């Protein structure tokens, strides 16, 4: 879930804690997603995409290419 980390670091969502609170999950879960150690449940993907301002496809992409 490198895409999540990249989006968060670019300012979409400031902290893992805020992501966790918005999604109703533990902060450690967000950390695992960002490090590629786990994947979010499918039912969380629409909320994550909305929070990060992207599509589910973009969220799951291995690479992020900045839109200019």
C-alpha atoms as a PDB file:
ATOM      1  CA  UNK A   1       0.000   0.000   0.000  1.00  0.00           C
ATOM      2  CA  UNK A   2       2.759   2.373  -0.874  1.00  0.00           C
ATOM      3  CA  UNK A   3       0.164   4.484  -2.660  1.00  0.00           C
ATOM      4  CA  UNK A   4      -1.518   5.210   0.657  1.00  0.00           C
ATOM      5  CA  UNK A   5       1.690   6.348   2.269  1.00  0.00           C
ATOM      6  CA  UNK A   6       2.586   8.546  -0.682  1.00  0.00           C
ATOM      7  CA  UNK A   7      -0.823  10.213  -0.684  1.00  0.00           C
ATOM      8  CA  UNK A   8      -0.743  10.776   3.059  1.00  0.00           C
ATOM      9  CA  UNK A   9       2.739  12.259   2.947  1.00  0.00           C
ATOM     10  CA  UNK A  10       1.673  14.632   0.173  1.00  0.00           C
ATOM     11  CA  UNK A  11      -0.898  16.103   2.501  1.00  0.00           C
ATOM     12  CA  UNK A  12      -4.136  14.272   1.738  1.00  0.00           C
ATOM     13  CA  UNK A  13      -4.304  13.153   5.376  1.00  0.00           C
ATOM     14  CA  UNK A  14      -1.680  14.387   7.837  1.00  0.00           C
ATOM     15  CA  UNK A  15      -1.218  11.422  10.175  1.00  0.00           C
ATOM     16  CA  UNK A  16      -1.803   7.714  10.462  1.00  0.00           C
ATOM     17  CA  UNK A  17      -3.747   8.432  13.640  1.00  0.00           C
ATOM     18  CA  UNK A  18      -6.232  10.626  11.754  1.00  0.00           C
ATOM     19  CA  UNK A  19      -6.634   7.966   9.081  1.00  0.00           C
ATOM     20  CA  UNK A  20      -7.268   5.330  11.741  1.00  0.00           C
ATOM     21  CA  UNK A  21      -9.831   7.494  13.542  1.00  0.00           C
ATOM     22  CA  UNK A  22     -11.674   8.322  10.318  1.00  0.00           C
ATOM     23  CA  UNK A  23     -11.867   4.654   9.334  1.00  0.00           C
ATOM     24  CA  UNK A  24     -12.532   3.201  12.779  1.00  0.00           C
ATOM     25  CA  UNK A  25      -9.404   1.026  12.777  1.00  0.00           C
ATOM     26  CA  UNK A  26      -6.252   0.877  14.874  1.00  0.00           C
ATOM     27  CA  UNK A  27      -3.307   3.070  13.993  1.00  0.00           C
ATOM     28  CA  UNK A  28      -1.161  -0.060  13.724  1.00  0.00           C
ATOM     29  CA  UNK A  29      -3.433  -1.324  10.928  1.00  0.00           C
ATOM     30  CA  UNK A  30      -2.791   1.834   8.894  1.00  0.00           C
ATOM     31  CA  UNK A  31       0.935   1.439   9.496  1.00  0.00           C
ATOM     32  CA  UNK A  32       0.827  -2.162   8.247  1.00  0.00           C
ATOM     33  CA  UNK A  33      -1.095  -1.119   5.130  1.00  0.00           C
ATOM     34  CA  UNK A  34       1.444   1.574   4.340  1.00  0.00           C
ATOM     35  CA  UNK A  35       4.386  -0.773   4.834  1.00  0.00           C
ATOM     36  CA  UNK A  36       2.817  -3.482   2.696  1.00  0.00           C
ATOM     37  CA  UNK A  37       2.556  -5.950   5.584  1.00  0.00           C
ATOM     38  CA  UNK A  38      -1.226  -6.169   5.334  1.00  0.00           C
ATOM     39  CA  UNK A  39      -4.043  -5.026   3.099  1.00  0.00           C
ATOM     40  CA  UNK A  40      -7.222  -3.284   4.188  1.00  0.00           C
ATOM     41  CA  UNK A  41     -10.471  -5.201   4.087  1.00  0.00           C
ATOM     42  CA  UNK A  42     -12.403  -4.762   0.872  1.00  0.00           C
ATOM     43  CA  UNK A  43     -15.263  -3.028   2.678  1.00  0.00           C
ATOM     44  CA  UNK A  44     -12.845  -0.281   3.826  1.00  0.00           C
ATOM     45  CA  UNK A  45     -11.536   0.522   0.330  1.00  0.00           C
ATOM     46  CA  UNK A  46     -14.326   2.938  -0.704  1.00  0.00           C
ATOM     47  CA  UNK A  47     -13.893   4.941   2.516  1.00  0.00           C
ATOM     48  CA  UNK A  48     -10.104   4.961   2.161  1.00  0.00           C
ATOM     49  CA  UNK A  49     -10.326   6.127  -1.449  1.00  0.00           C
ATOM     50  CA  UNK A  50     -12.724   8.915  -0.493  1.00  0.00           C
ATOM     51  CA  UNK A  51     -10.501   9.978   2.397  1.00  0.00           C
ATOM     52  CA  UNK A  52      -7.437  10.082   0.151  1.00  0.00           C
ATOM     53  CA  UNK A  53      -9.259  11.738  -2.741  1.00  0.00           C
ATOM     54  CA  UNK A  54      -8.570   8.999  -5.270  1.00  0.00           C
ATOM     55  CA  UNK A  55     -10.123   5.955  -6.875  1.00  0.00           C
ATOM     56  CA  UNK A  56      -9.803   2.456  -5.473  1.00  0.00           C
ATOM     57  CA  UNK A  57      -7.721   1.557  -8.520  1.00  0.00           C
ATOM     58  CA  UNK A  58      -5.279   4.381  -7.799  1.00  0.00           C
ATOM     59  CA  UNK A  59      -5.129   3.365  -4.181  1.00  0.00           C
ATOM     60  CA  UNK A  60      -4.185  -0.188  -5.034  1.00  0.00           C
ATOM     61  CA  UNK A  61      -1.673   0.740  -7.718  1.00  0.00           C
ATOM     62  CA  UNK A  62       1.900  -0.305  -7.116  1.00  0.00           C
ATOM     63  CA  UNK A  63       3.219   2.974  -8.495  1.00  0.00           C
ATOM     64  CA  UNK A  64       1.941   6.487  -8.117  1.00  0.00           C
ATOM     65  CA  UNK A  65       2.650   8.905 -10.883  1.00  0.00           C
ATOM     66  CA  UNK A  66       1.996  12.491  -9.844  1.00  0.00           C
ATOM     67  CA  UNK A  67      -0.773  14.178 -11.789  1.00  0.00           C
ATOM     68  CA  UNK A  68       0.312  17.517 -13.119  1.00  0.00           C
END
